[in-house]
């Protein structure tokens, strides 16, 4: 592991994506609502997603100066998106939500882990 993430910009971009995703989950907006419904995510638990996204963004930002926290956060996001992929497959939701959203974010998170944190 490097002393500090290098380069930093992918970590910051991923943090901004998580903030944006958290904001979209606040309502949630229509396509997020349809995604939750498509995989059978219980409506009573929808409120959990924005704090998780905001916490991930905070962990990534702080991880710029405290690299172990950034590493833990980025690998937690990898796990989150692996679970999302599993959930979409289990629900037979083989559309955009699986391939673009969940799988795309999984690839981005793995690339940030490898590129910026050297893991």
PDB file of N, CA and C in Angstrom:
ATOM      1  N   UNK A   1       0.850  -1.180   0.000  1.00  0.00           N
ATOM      2  CA  UNK A   1       0.000   0.000   0.000  1.00  0.00           C
ATOM      3  C   UNK A   1       0.888   1.232   0.000  1.00  0.00           C
ATOM      4  N   UNK A   2       0.508   2.228  -0.749  1.00  0.00           N
ATOM      5  CA  UNK A   2       1.248   3.483  -0.807  1.00  0.00           C
ATOM      6  C   UNK A   2       0.958   4.307   0.439  1.00  0.00           C
ATOM      7  N   UNK A   3       1.864   5.245   0.748  1.00  0.00           N
ATOM      8  CA  UNK A   3       1.672   6.116   1.915  1.00  0.00           C
ATOM      9  C   UNK A   3       0.401   6.951   1.767  1.00  0.00           C
ATOM     10  N   UNK A   4       0.192   7.495   0.587  1.00  0.00           N
ATOM     11  CA  UNK A   4      -1.019   8.256   0.275  1.00  0.00           C
ATOM     12  C   UNK A   4      -1.522   7.786  -1.083  1.00  0.00           C
ATOM     13  N   UNK A   5      -2.818   7.909  -1.340  1.00  0.00           N
ATOM     14  CA  UNK A   5      -3.301   7.506  -2.665  1.00  0.00           C
ATOM     15  C   UNK A   5      -2.644   8.367  -3.747  1.00  0.00           C
ATOM     16  N   UNK A   6      -2.223   7.714  -4.799  1.00  0.00           N
ATOM     17  CA  UNK A   6      -1.573   8.432  -5.889  1.00  0.00           C
ATOM     18  C   UNK A   6      -1.957   7.751  -7.196  1.00  0.00           C
ATOM     19  N   UNK A   7      -2.671   8.383  -8.072  1.00  0.00           N
ATOM     20  CA  UNK A   7      -3.177   9.751  -7.977  1.00  0.00           C
ATOM     21  C   UNK A   7      -4.414   9.842  -7.081  1.00  0.00           C
ATOM     22  N   UNK A   8      -4.660  11.056  -6.652  1.00  0.00           N
ATOM     23  CA  UNK A   8      -5.785  11.321  -5.748  1.00  0.00           C
ATOM     24  C   UNK A   8      -7.092  11.509  -6.512  1.00  0.00           C
ATOM     25  N   UNK A   9      -7.028  12.030  -7.730  1.00  0.00           N
ATOM     26  CA  UNK A   9      -8.244  12.412  -8.430  1.00  0.00           C
ATOM     27  C   UNK A   9      -9.264  11.273  -8.591  1.00  0.00           C
ATOM     28  N   UNK A  10      -8.856  10.011  -8.854  1.00  0.00           N
ATOM     29  CA  UNK A  10      -9.901   8.972  -8.951  1.00  0.00           C
ATOM     30  C   UNK A  10     -10.653   8.769  -7.637  1.00  0.00           C
ATOM     31  N   UNK A  11      -9.955   8.923  -6.520  1.00  0.00           N
ATOM     32  CA  UNK A  11     -10.596   8.776  -5.205  1.00  0.00           C
ATOM     33  C   UNK A  11     -11.621   9.892  -5.012  1.00  0.00           C
ATOM     34  N   UNK A  12     -11.247  11.108  -5.380  1.00  0.00           N
ATOM     35  CA  UNK A  12     -12.154  12.253  -5.243  1.00  0.00           C
ATOM     36  C   UNK A  12     -13.353  12.096  -6.175  1.00  0.00           C
ATOM     37  N   UNK A  13     -13.113  11.662  -7.398  1.00  0.00           N
ATOM     38  CA  UNK A  13     -14.222  11.459  -8.347  1.00  0.00           C
ATOM     39  C   UNK A  13     -15.176  10.391  -7.824  1.00  0.00           C
ATOM     40  N   UNK A  14     -14.636   9.287  -7.305  1.00  0.00           N
ATOM     41  CA  UNK A  14     -15.496   8.233  -6.757  1.00  0.00           C
ATOM     42  C   UNK A  14     -16.286   8.759  -5.563  1.00  0.00           C
ATOM     43  N   UNK A  15     -15.674   9.586  -4.736  1.00  0.00           N
ATOM     44  CA  UNK A  15     -16.390  10.190  -3.600  1.00  0.00           C
ATOM     45  C   UNK A  15     -17.536  11.071  -4.105  1.00  0.00           C
ATOM     46  N   UNK A  16     -17.283  11.858  -5.134  1.00  0.00           N
ATOM     47  CA  UNK A  16     -18.346  12.712  -5.697  1.00  0.00           C
ATOM     48  C   UNK A  16     -19.477  11.875  -6.294  1.00  0.00           C
ATOM     49  N   UNK A  17     -19.129  10.772  -6.936  1.00  0.00           N
ATOM     50  CA  UNK A  17     -20.153   9.866  -7.481  1.00  0.00           C
ATOM     51  C   UNK A  17     -21.009   9.318  -6.344  1.00  0.00           C
ATOM     52  N   UNK A  18     -20.381   8.966  -5.220  1.00  0.00           N
ATOM     53  CA  UNK A  18     -21.130   8.446  -4.079  1.00  0.00           C
ATOM     54  C   UNK A  18     -22.049   9.507  -3.485  1.00  0.00           C
ATOM     55  N   UNK A  19     -21.590  10.752  -3.418  1.00  0.00           N
ATOM     56  CA  UNK A  19     -22.455  11.839  -2.935  1.00  0.00           C
ATOM     57  C   UNK A  19     -23.651  11.993  -3.874  1.00  0.00           C
ATOM     58  N   UNK A  20     -23.385  12.010  -5.176  1.00  0.00           N
ATOM     59  CA  UNK A  20     -24.472  12.130  -6.150  1.00  0.00           C
ATOM     60  C   UNK A  20     -25.450  10.983  -6.046  1.00  0.00           C
ATOM     61  N   UNK A  21     -24.932   9.776  -5.882  1.00  0.00           N
ATOM     62  CA  UNK A  21     -25.794   8.601  -5.733  1.00  0.00           C
ATOM     63  C   UNK A  21     -26.618   8.706  -4.453  1.00  0.00           C
ATOM     64  N   UNK A  22     -25.993   9.187  -3.384  1.00  0.00           N
ATOM     65  CA  UNK A  22     -26.726   9.380  -2.124  1.00  0.00           C
ATOM     66  C   UNK A  22     -27.867  10.367  -2.272  1.00  0.00           C
ATOM     67  N   UNK A  23     -27.617  11.440  -2.999  1.00  0.00           N
ATOM     68  CA  UNK A  23     -28.664  12.448  -3.235  1.00  0.00           C
ATOM     69  C   UNK A  23     -29.807  11.827  -4.044  1.00  0.00           C
ATOM     70  N   UNK A  24     -29.464  11.039  -5.071  1.00  0.00           N
ATOM     71  CA  UNK A  24     -30.497  10.391  -5.885  1.00  0.00           C
ATOM     72  C   UNK A  24     -31.325   9.402  -5.073  1.00  0.00           C
ATOM     73  N   UNK A  25     -30.713   8.810  -4.046  1.00  0.00           N
ATOM     74  CA  UNK A  25     -31.415   7.839  -3.201  1.00  0.00           C
ATOM     75  C   UNK A  25     -32.284   8.504  -2.137  1.00  0.00           C
ATOM     76  N   UNK A  26     -32.154   9.811  -1.942  1.00  0.00           N
ATOM     77  CA  UNK A  26     -32.928  10.494  -0.899  1.00  0.00           C
ATOM     78  C   UNK A  26     -34.420  10.405  -1.130  1.00  0.00           C
ATOM     79  N   UNK A  27     -34.856  10.542  -2.363  1.00  0.00           N
ATOM     80  CA  UNK A  27     -36.296  10.558  -2.677  1.00  0.00           C
ATOM     81  C   UNK A  27     -36.965   9.212  -2.578  1.00  0.00           C
ATOM     82  N   UNK A  28     -36.508   8.217  -3.191  1.00  0.00           N
ATOM     83  CA  UNK A  28     -35.496   8.246  -4.250  1.00  0.00           C
ATOM     84  C   UNK A  28     -36.106   8.692  -5.575  1.00  0.00           C
ATOM     85  N   UNK A  29     -35.221   9.064  -6.507  1.00  0.00           N
ATOM     86  CA  UNK A  29     -35.706   9.428  -7.838  1.00  0.00           C
ATOM     87  C   UNK A  29     -36.288   8.183  -8.503  1.00  0.00           C
ATOM     88  N   UNK A  30     -37.024   8.386  -9.579  1.00  0.00           N
ATOM     89  CA  UNK A  30     -37.785   7.302 -10.206  1.00  0.00           C
ATOM     90  C   UNK A  30     -36.934   6.089 -10.568  1.00  0.00           C
ATOM     91  N   UNK A  31     -35.788   6.293 -11.260  1.00  0.00           N
ATOM     92  CA  UNK A  31     -35.031   5.118 -11.704  1.00  0.00           C
ATOM     93  C   UNK A  31     -34.405   4.366 -10.534  1.00  0.00           C
ATOM     94  N   UNK A  32     -34.091   5.055  -9.435  1.00  0.00           N
ATOM     95  CA  UNK A  32     -33.585   4.368  -8.240  1.00  0.00           C
ATOM     96  C   UNK A  32     -34.729   3.593  -7.589  1.00  0.00           C
ATOM     97  N   UNK A  33     -35.887   4.213  -7.504  1.00  0.00           N
ATOM     98  CA  UNK A  33     -37.072   3.538  -6.947  1.00  0.00           C
ATOM     99  C   UNK A  33     -37.386   2.273  -7.743  1.00  0.00           C
ATOM    100  N   UNK A  34     -37.352   2.378  -9.075  1.00  0.00           N
ATOM    101  CA  UNK A  34     -37.619   1.227  -9.925  1.00  0.00           C
ATOM    102  C   UNK A  34     -36.557   0.137  -9.732  1.00  0.00           C
ATOM    103  N   UNK A  35     -35.324   0.548  -9.508  1.00  0.00           N
ATOM    104  CA  UNK A  35     -34.250  -0.413  -9.250  1.00  0.00           C
ATOM    105  C   UNK A  35     -34.512  -1.150  -7.936  1.00  0.00           C
ATOM    106  N   UNK A  36     -34.827  -0.410  -6.886  1.00  0.00           N
ATOM    107  CA  UNK A  36     -35.131  -1.021  -5.589  1.00  0.00           C
ATOM    108  C   UNK A  36     -36.302  -1.990  -5.705  1.00  0.00           C
ATOM    109  N   UNK A  37     -37.343  -1.548  -6.398  1.00  0.00           N
ATOM    110  CA  UNK A  37     -38.516  -2.404  -6.558  1.00  0.00           C
ATOM    111  C   UNK A  37     -38.195  -3.624  -7.412  1.00  0.00           C
ATOM    112  N   UNK A  38     -37.349  -3.436  -8.432  1.00  0.00           N
ATOM    113  CA  UNK A  38     -37.005  -4.523  -9.343  1.00  0.00           C
ATOM    114  C   UNK A  38     -36.277  -5.680  -8.676  1.00  0.00           C
ATOM    115  N   UNK A  39     -35.520  -5.379  -7.634  1.00  0.00           N
ATOM    116  CA  UNK A  39     -34.794  -6.443  -6.927  1.00  0.00           C
ATOM    117  C   UNK A  39     -35.502  -6.866  -5.647  1.00  0.00           C
ATOM    118  N   UNK A  40     -36.639  -6.229  -5.366  1.00  0.00           N
ATOM    119  CA  UNK A  40     -37.399  -6.585  -4.170  1.00  0.00           C
ATOM    120  C   UNK A  40     -36.785  -6.057  -2.881  1.00  0.00           C
ATOM    121  N   UNK A  41     -36.055  -4.943  -2.974  1.00  0.00           N
ATOM    122  CA  UNK A  41     -35.474  -4.340  -1.777  1.00  0.00           C
ATOM    123  C   UNK A  41     -36.613  -3.733  -0.961  1.00  0.00           C
ATOM    124  N   UNK A  42     -36.801  -4.160   0.283  1.00  0.00           N
ATOM    125  CA  UNK A  42     -37.959  -3.708   1.063  1.00  0.00           C
ATOM    126  C   UNK A  42     -37.983  -2.186   1.246  1.00  0.00           C
ATOM    127  N   UNK A  43     -39.129  -1.606   0.974  1.00  0.00           N
ATOM    128  CA  UNK A  43     -39.303  -0.157   1.086  1.00  0.00           C
ATOM    129  C   UNK A  43     -38.920   0.352   2.475  1.00  0.00           C
ATOM    130  N   UNK A  44     -39.148  -0.442   3.496  1.00  0.00           N
ATOM    131  CA  UNK A  44     -38.815  -0.036   4.871  1.00  0.00           C
ATOM    132  C   UNK A  44     -37.316   0.191   5.055  1.00  0.00           C
ATOM    133  N   UNK A  45     -36.481  -0.333   4.151  1.00  0.00           N
ATOM    134  CA  UNK A  45     -35.031  -0.191   4.267  1.00  0.00           C
ATOM    135  C   UNK A  45     -34.443   0.820   3.293  1.00  0.00           C
ATOM    136  N   UNK A  46     -35.251   1.452   2.477  1.00  0.00           N
ATOM    137  CA  UNK A  46     -34.732   2.407   1.503  1.00  0.00           C
ATOM    138  C   UNK A  46     -33.984   3.557   2.162  1.00  0.00           C
ATOM    139  N   UNK A  47     -34.386   3.942   3.358  1.00  0.00           N
ATOM    140  CA  UNK A  47     -33.761   5.073   4.055  1.00  0.00           C
ATOM    141  C   UNK A  47     -32.284   4.809   4.371  1.00  0.00           C
ATOM    142  N   UNK A  48     -31.856   3.557   4.355  1.00  0.00           N
ATOM    143  CA  UNK A  48     -30.481   3.207   4.708  1.00  0.00           C
ATOM    144  C   UNK A  48     -29.491   3.613   3.617  1.00  0.00           C
ATOM    145  N   UNK A  49     -29.921   3.609   2.376  1.00  0.00           N
ATOM    146  CA  UNK A  49     -28.969   3.807   1.276  1.00  0.00           C
ATOM    147  C   UNK A  49     -28.303   5.182   1.258  1.00  0.00           C
ATOM    148  N   UNK A  50     -29.009   6.305   1.457  1.00  0.00           N
ATOM    149  CA  UNK A  50     -28.288   7.583   1.435  1.00  0.00           C
ATOM    150  C   UNK A  50     -27.194   7.686   2.502  1.00  0.00           C
ATOM    151  N   UNK A  51     -27.448   7.320   3.767  1.00  0.00           N
ATOM    152  CA  UNK A  51     -26.349   7.404   4.738  1.00  0.00           C
ATOM    153  C   UNK A  51     -25.163   6.507   4.379  1.00  0.00           C
ATOM    154  N   UNK A  52     -25.430   5.349   3.803  1.00  0.00           N
ATOM    155  CA  UNK A  52     -24.337   4.466   3.387  1.00  0.00           C
ATOM    156  C   UNK A  52     -23.507   5.141   2.293  1.00  0.00           C
ATOM    157  N   UNK A  53     -24.173   5.731   1.320  1.00  0.00           N
ATOM    158  CA  UNK A  53     -23.473   6.414   0.227  1.00  0.00           C
ATOM    159  C   UNK A  53     -22.679   7.616   0.747  1.00  0.00           C
ATOM    160  N   UNK A  54     -23.286   8.404   1.643  1.00  0.00           N
ATOM    161  CA  UNK A  54     -22.585   9.572   2.190  1.00  0.00           C
ATOM    162  C   UNK A  54     -21.406   9.149   3.063  1.00  0.00           C
ATOM    163  N   UNK A  55     -21.567   8.067   3.814  1.00  0.00           N
ATOM    164  CA  UNK A  55     -20.464   7.553   4.640  1.00  0.00           C
ATOM    165  C   UNK A  55     -19.321   7.066   3.745  1.00  0.00           C
ATOM    166  N   UNK A  56     -19.651   6.425   2.642  1.00  0.00           N
ATOM    167  CA  UNK A  56     -18.618   5.982   1.706  1.00  0.00           C
ATOM    168  C   UNK A  56     -17.866   7.179   1.135  1.00  0.00           C
ATOM    169  N   UNK A  57     -18.601   8.222   0.770  1.00  0.00           N
ATOM    170  CA  UNK A  57     -17.949   9.425   0.248  1.00  0.00           C
ATOM    171  C   UNK A  57     -17.022  10.031   1.299  1.00  0.00           C
ATOM    172  N   UNK A  58     -17.495  10.107   2.533  1.00  0.00           N
ATOM    173  CA  UNK A  58     -16.665  10.667   3.615  1.00  0.00           C
ATOM    174  C   UNK A  58     -15.428   9.797   3.839  1.00  0.00           C
ATOM    175  N   UNK A  59     -15.594   8.478   3.835  1.00  0.00           N
ATOM    176  CA  UNK A  59     -14.457   7.580   4.016  1.00  0.00           C
ATOM    177  C   UNK A  59     -13.424   7.730   2.919  1.00  0.00           C
ATOM    178  N   UNK A  60     -13.872   7.938   1.692  1.00  0.00           N
ATOM    179  CA  UNK A  60     -12.938   8.143   0.585  1.00  0.00           C
ATOM    180  C   UNK A  60     -12.198   9.467   0.722  1.00  0.00           C
ATOM    181  N   UNK A  61     -12.918  10.520   1.080  1.00  0.00           N
ATOM    182  CA  UNK A  61     -12.274  11.835   1.229  1.00  0.00           C
ATOM    183  C   UNK A  61     -11.257  11.805   2.357  1.00  0.00           C
ATOM    184  N   UNK A  62     -11.652  11.294   3.510  1.00  0.00           N
ATOM    185  CA  UNK A  62     -10.715  11.198   4.633  1.00  0.00           C
ATOM    186  C   UNK A  62      -9.575  10.249   4.265  1.00  0.00           C
ATOM    187  N   UNK A  63      -9.861   9.255   3.446  1.00  0.00           N
ATOM    188  CA  UNK A  63      -8.854   8.306   3.008  1.00  0.00           C
ATOM    189  C   UNK A  63      -7.733   8.904   2.182  1.00  0.00           C
ATOM    190  N   UNK A  64      -7.934  10.119   1.685  1.00  0.00           N
ATOM    191  CA  UNK A  64      -6.853  10.813   0.990  1.00  0.00           C
ATOM    192  C   UNK A  64      -5.709  11.082   1.974  1.00  0.00           C
ATOM    193  N   UNK A  65      -6.051  11.374   3.227  1.00  0.00           N
ATOM    194  CA  UNK A  65      -5.045  11.666   4.255  1.00  0.00           C
ATOM    195  C   UNK A  65      -4.811  10.493   5.202  1.00  0.00           C
ATOM    196  N   UNK A  66      -5.768   9.593   5.290  1.00  0.00           N
ATOM    197  CA  UNK A  66      -5.653   8.407   6.141  1.00  0.00           C
ATOM    198  C   UNK A  66      -5.869   7.199   5.216  1.00  0.00           C
ATOM    199  N   UNK A  67      -4.797   6.797   4.523  1.00  0.00           N
ATOM    200  CA  UNK A  67      -4.955   5.808   3.450  1.00  0.00           C
ATOM    201  C   UNK A  67      -5.620   4.497   3.852  1.00  0.00           C
ATOM    202  N   UNK A  68      -5.396   4.009   5.060  1.00  0.00           N
ATOM    203  CA  UNK A  68      -6.031   2.742   5.440  1.00  0.00           C
ATOM    204  C   UNK A  68      -7.553   2.867   5.419  1.00  0.00           C
ATOM    205  N   UNK A  69      -8.082   4.061   5.768  1.00  0.00           N
ATOM    206  CA  UNK A  69      -9.526   4.264   5.723  1.00  0.00           C
ATOM    207  C   UNK A  69     -10.017   4.284   4.279  1.00  0.00           C
ATOM    208  N   UNK A  70      -9.254   4.894   3.394  1.00  0.00           N
ATOM    209  CA  UNK A  70      -9.613   4.881   1.982  1.00  0.00           C
ATOM    210  C   UNK A  70      -9.627   3.471   1.410  1.00  0.00           C
ATOM    211  N   UNK A  71      -8.645   2.666   1.808  1.00  0.00           N
ATOM    212  CA  UNK A  71      -8.571   1.277   1.347  1.00  0.00           C
ATOM    213  C   UNK A  71      -9.779   0.492   1.853  1.00  0.00           C
ATOM    214  N   UNK A  72     -10.073   0.622   3.133  1.00  0.00           N
ATOM    215  CA  UNK A  72     -11.228  -0.087   3.698  1.00  0.00           C
ATOM    216  C   UNK A  72     -12.513   0.354   2.992  1.00  0.00           C
ATOM    217  N   UNK A  73     -12.628   1.645   2.766  1.00  0.00           N
ATOM    218  CA  UNK A  73     -13.848   2.177   2.134  1.00  0.00           C
ATOM    219  C   UNK A  73     -13.991   1.689   0.704  1.00  0.00           C
ATOM    220  N   UNK A  74     -12.926   1.752  -0.078  1.00  0.00           N
ATOM    221  CA  UNK A  74     -13.050   1.351  -1.477  1.00  0.00           C
ATOM    222  C   UNK A  74     -13.336  -0.143  -1.586  1.00  0.00           C
ATOM    223  N   UNK A  75     -12.764  -0.974  -0.707  1.00  0.00           N
ATOM    224  CA  UNK A  75     -13.060  -2.405  -0.755  1.00  0.00           C
ATOM    225  C   UNK A  75     -14.449  -2.697  -0.192  1.00  0.00           C
ATOM    226  N   UNK A  76     -14.933  -1.870   0.725  1.00  0.00           N
ATOM    227  CA  UNK A  76     -16.321  -2.008   1.180  1.00  0.00           C
ATOM    228  C   UNK A  76     -17.284  -1.700   0.025  1.00  0.00           C
ATOM    229  N   UNK A  77     -16.932  -0.711  -0.796  1.00  0.00           N
ATOM    230  CA  UNK A  77     -17.754  -0.416  -1.972  1.00  0.00           C
ATOM    231  C   UNK A  77     -17.716  -1.571  -2.969  1.00  0.00           C
ATOM    232  N   UNK A  78     -16.564  -2.193  -3.120  1.00  0.00           N
ATOM    233  CA  UNK A  78     -16.477  -3.381  -3.990  1.00  0.00           C
ATOM    234  C   UNK A  78     -17.445  -4.448  -3.484  1.00  0.00           C
ATOM    235  N   UNK A  79     -17.425  -4.715  -2.196  1.00  0.00           N
ATOM    236  CA  UNK A  79     -18.345  -5.694  -1.617  1.00  0.00           C
ATOM    237  C   UNK A  79     -19.798  -5.275  -1.830  1.00  0.00           C
ATOM    238  N   UNK A  80     -20.099  -3.997  -1.611  1.00  0.00           N
ATOM    239  CA  UNK A  80     -21.452  -3.471  -1.810  1.00  0.00           C
ATOM    240  C   UNK A  80     -21.937  -3.763  -3.236  1.00  0.00           C
ATOM    241  N   UNK A  81     -21.086  -3.493  -4.224  1.00  0.00           N
ATOM    242  CA  UNK A  81     -21.521  -3.686  -5.605  1.00  0.00           C
ATOM    243  C   UNK A  81     -21.521  -5.163  -6.011  1.00  0.00           C
ATOM    244  N   UNK A  82     -20.684  -5.985  -5.400  1.00  0.00           N
ATOM    245  CA  UNK A  82     -20.793  -7.431  -5.620  1.00  0.00           C
ATOM    246  C   UNK A  82     -22.140  -7.938  -5.108  1.00  0.00           C
ATOM    247  N   UNK A  83     -22.538  -7.466  -3.936  1.00  0.00           N
ATOM    248  CA  UNK A  83     -23.844  -7.848  -3.388  1.00  0.00           C
ATOM    249  C   UNK A  83     -24.984  -7.312  -4.258  1.00  0.00           C
ATOM    250  N   UNK A  84     -24.805  -6.099  -4.791  1.00  0.00           N
ATOM    251  CA  UNK A  84     -25.826  -5.546  -5.689  1.00  0.00           C
ATOM    252  C   UNK A  84     -25.968  -6.413  -6.938  1.00  0.00           C
ATOM    253  N   UNK A  85     -24.842  -6.841  -7.502  1.00  0.00           N
ATOM    254  CA  UNK A  85     -24.882  -7.703  -8.682  1.00  0.00           C
ATOM    255  C   UNK A  85     -25.596  -9.018  -8.343  1.00  0.00           C
ATOM    256  N   UNK A  86     -25.237  -9.621  -7.221  1.00  0.00           N
ATOM    257  CA  UNK A  86     -25.886 -10.856  -6.782  1.00  0.00           C
ATOM    258  C   UNK A  86     -27.401 -10.653  -6.658  1.00  0.00           C
ATOM    259  N   UNK A  87     -27.802  -9.528  -6.082  1.00  0.00           N
ATOM    260  CA  UNK A  87     -29.221  -9.231  -5.885  1.00  0.00           C
ATOM    261  C   UNK A  87     -29.937  -9.086  -7.219  1.00  0.00           C
ATOM    262  N   UNK A  88     -29.309  -8.403  -8.177  1.00  0.00           N
ATOM    263  CA  UNK A  88     -29.922  -8.243  -9.501  1.00  0.00           C
ATOM    264  C   UNK A  88     -30.045  -9.593 -10.212  1.00  0.00           C
ATOM    265  N   UNK A  89     -29.008 -10.417 -10.117  1.00  0.00           N
ATOM    266  CA  UNK A  89     -29.049 -11.733 -10.768  1.00  0.00           C
ATOM    267  C   UNK A  89     -30.127 -12.598 -10.126  1.00  0.00           C
ATOM    268  N   UNK A  90     -30.170 -12.592  -8.782  1.00  0.00           N
ATOM    269  CA  UNK A  90     -31.182 -13.391  -8.078  1.00  0.00           C
ATOM    270  C   UNK A  90     -32.596 -12.968  -8.480  1.00  0.00           C
ATOM    271  N   UNK A  91     -32.791 -11.664  -8.689  1.00  0.00           N
ATOM    272  CA  UNK A  91     -34.111 -11.146  -9.078  1.00  0.00           C
ATOM    273  C   UNK A  91     -34.350 -11.237 -10.589  1.00  0.00           C
ATOM    274  N   UNK A  92     -33.365 -11.760 -11.319  1.00  0.00           N
ATOM    275  CA  UNK A  92     -33.443 -11.851 -12.777  1.00  0.00           C
ATOM    276  C   UNK A  92     -33.634 -10.485 -13.431  1.00  0.00           C
ATOM    277  N   UNK A  93     -32.992  -9.501 -12.838  1.00  0.00           N
ATOM    278  CA  UNK A  93     -33.016  -8.130 -13.358  1.00  0.00           C
ATOM    279  C   UNK A  93     -31.742  -7.941 -14.185  1.00  0.00           C
ATOM    280  N   UNK A  94     -31.822  -8.332 -15.456  1.00  0.00           N
ATOM    281  CA  UNK A  94     -30.644  -8.353 -16.313  1.00  0.00           C
ATOM    282  C   UNK A  94     -30.547  -7.141 -17.230  1.00  0.00           C
ATOM    283  N   UNK A  95     -31.101  -6.027 -16.824  1.00  0.00           N
ATOM    284  CA  UNK A  95     -31.077  -4.834 -17.654  1.00  0.00           C
ATOM    285  C   UNK A  95     -29.988  -3.852 -17.258  1.00  0.00           C
ATOM    286  N   UNK A  96     -30.265  -2.607 -17.514  1.00  0.00           N
ATOM    287  CA  UNK A  96     -29.331  -1.517 -17.270  1.00  0.00           C
ATOM    288  C   UNK A  96     -28.880  -1.452 -15.817  1.00  0.00           C
ATOM    289  N   UNK A  97     -29.792  -1.728 -14.880  1.00  0.00           N
ATOM    290  CA  UNK A  97     -29.435  -1.639 -13.461  1.00  0.00           C
ATOM    291  C   UNK A  97     -28.310  -2.604 -13.109  1.00  0.00           C
ATOM    292  N   UNK A  98     -28.311  -3.769 -13.703  1.00  0.00           N
ATOM    293  CA  UNK A  98     -27.249  -4.745 -13.442  1.00  0.00           C
ATOM    294  C   UNK A  98     -25.974  -4.373 -14.191  1.00  0.00           C
ATOM    295  N   UNK A  99     -26.087  -4.225 -15.510  1.00  0.00           N
ATOM    296  CA  UNK A  99     -24.880  -4.119 -16.326  1.00  0.00           C
ATOM    297  C   UNK A  99     -24.250  -2.736 -16.301  1.00  0.00           C
ATOM    298  N   UNK A 100     -25.025  -1.706 -16.315  1.00  0.00           N
ATOM    299  CA  UNK A 100     -24.443  -0.367 -16.320  1.00  0.00           C
ATOM    300  C   UNK A 100     -24.183   0.116 -14.895  1.00  0.00           C
ATOM    301  N   UNK A 101     -25.178   0.041 -14.056  1.00  0.00           N
ATOM    302  CA  UNK A 101     -25.050   0.607 -12.715  1.00  0.00           C
ATOM    303  C   UNK A 101     -24.176  -0.257 -11.800  1.00  0.00           C
ATOM    304  N   UNK A 102     -24.617  -1.442 -11.472  1.00  0.00           N
ATOM    305  CA  UNK A 102     -23.908  -2.271 -10.483  1.00  0.00           C
ATOM    306  C   UNK A 102     -22.556  -2.755 -11.011  1.00  0.00           C
ATOM    307  N   UNK A 103     -22.542  -3.360 -12.187  1.00  0.00           N
ATOM    308  CA  UNK A 103     -21.278  -3.878 -12.722  1.00  0.00           C
ATOM    309  C   UNK A 103     -20.321  -2.739 -13.077  1.00  0.00           C
ATOM    310  N   UNK A 104     -20.862  -1.665 -13.624  1.00  0.00           N
ATOM    311  CA  UNK A 104     -20.015  -0.511 -13.950  1.00  0.00           C
ATOM    312  C   UNK A 104     -19.370   0.085 -12.717  1.00  0.00           C
ATOM    313  N   UNK A 105     -20.145   0.234 -11.660  1.00  0.00           N
ATOM    314  CA  UNK A 105     -19.591   0.776 -10.416  1.00  0.00           C
ATOM    315  C   UNK A 105     -18.598  -0.199  -9.776  1.00  0.00           C
ATOM    316  N   UNK A 106     -18.844  -1.491  -9.907  1.00  0.00           N
ATOM    317  CA  UNK A 106     -17.887  -2.470  -9.395  1.00  0.00           C
ATOM    318  C   UNK A 106     -16.536  -2.297 -10.087  1.00  0.00           C
ATOM    319  N   UNK A 107     -16.548  -2.188 -11.400  1.00  0.00           N
ATOM    320  CA  UNK A 107     -15.306  -2.016 -12.159  1.00  0.00           C
ATOM    321  C   UNK A 107     -14.603  -0.726 -11.736  1.00  0.00           C
ATOM    322  N   UNK A 108     -15.347   0.352 -11.610  1.00  0.00           N
ATOM    323  CA  UNK A 108     -14.757   1.630 -11.214  1.00  0.00           C
ATOM    324  C   UNK A 108     -14.119   1.523  -9.832  1.00  0.00           C
ATOM    325  N   UNK A 109     -14.799   0.907  -8.886  1.00  0.00           N
ATOM    326  CA  UNK A 109     -14.261   0.778  -7.527  1.00  0.00           C
ATOM    327  C   UNK A 109     -12.993  -0.067  -7.500  1.00  0.00           C
ATOM    328  N   UNK A 110     -12.985  -1.162  -8.238  1.00  0.00           N
ATOM    329  CA  UNK A 110     -11.784  -2.007  -8.299  1.00  0.00           C
ATOM    330  C   UNK A 110     -10.633  -1.231  -8.929  1.00  0.00           C
ATOM    331  N   UNK A 111     -10.912  -0.493  -9.993  1.00  0.00           N
ATOM    332  CA  UNK A 111      -9.864   0.290 -10.645  1.00  0.00           C
ATOM    333  C   UNK A 111      -9.300   1.369  -9.715  1.00  0.00           C
ATOM    334  N   UNK A 112     -10.158   2.030  -8.945  1.00  0.00           N
ATOM    335  CA  UNK A 112      -9.671   3.031  -7.990  1.00  0.00           C
ATOM    336  C   UNK A 112      -8.801   2.363  -6.941  1.00  0.00           C
ATOM    337  N   UNK A 113      -9.220   1.202  -6.446  1.00  0.00           N
ATOM    338  CA  UNK A 113      -8.421   0.487  -5.452  1.00  0.00           C
ATOM    339  C   UNK A 113      -7.035   0.145  -6.010  1.00  0.00           C
ATOM    340  N   UNK A 114      -7.002  -0.359  -7.228  1.00  0.00           N
ATOM    341  CA  UNK A 114      -5.735  -0.776  -7.818  1.00  0.00           C
ATOM    342  C   UNK A 114      -4.875   0.409  -8.240  1.00  0.00           C
ATOM    343  N   UNK A 115      -5.498   1.399  -8.848  1.00  0.00           N
ATOM    344  CA  UNK A 115      -4.761   2.522  -9.429  1.00  0.00           C
ATOM    345  C   UNK A 115      -4.301   3.519  -8.367  1.00  0.00           C
ATOM    346  N   UNK A 116      -5.178   3.899  -7.466  1.00  0.00           N
ATOM    347  CA  UNK A 116      -4.836   4.959  -6.512  1.00  0.00           C
ATOM    348  C   UNK A 116      -4.199   4.438  -5.226  1.00  0.00           C
ATOM    349  N   UNK A 117      -4.619   3.250  -4.795  1.00  0.00           N
ATOM    350  CA  UNK A 117      -4.093   2.718  -3.534  1.00  0.00           C
ATOM    351  C   UNK A 117      -3.058   1.628  -3.762  1.00  0.00           C
ATOM    352  N   UNK A 118      -2.878   1.207  -5.014  1.00  0.00           N
ATOM    353  CA  UNK A 118      -1.869   0.231  -5.330  1.00  0.00           C
ATOM    354  C   UNK A 118      -2.140  -1.156  -4.788  1.00  0.00           C
ATOM    355  N   UNK A 119      -3.414  -1.507  -4.661  1.00  0.00           N
ATOM    356  CA  UNK A 119      -3.777  -2.817  -4.130  1.00  0.00           C
ATOM    357  C   UNK A 119      -4.435  -3.658  -5.190  1.00  0.00           C
TER     358      UNK A 119
END
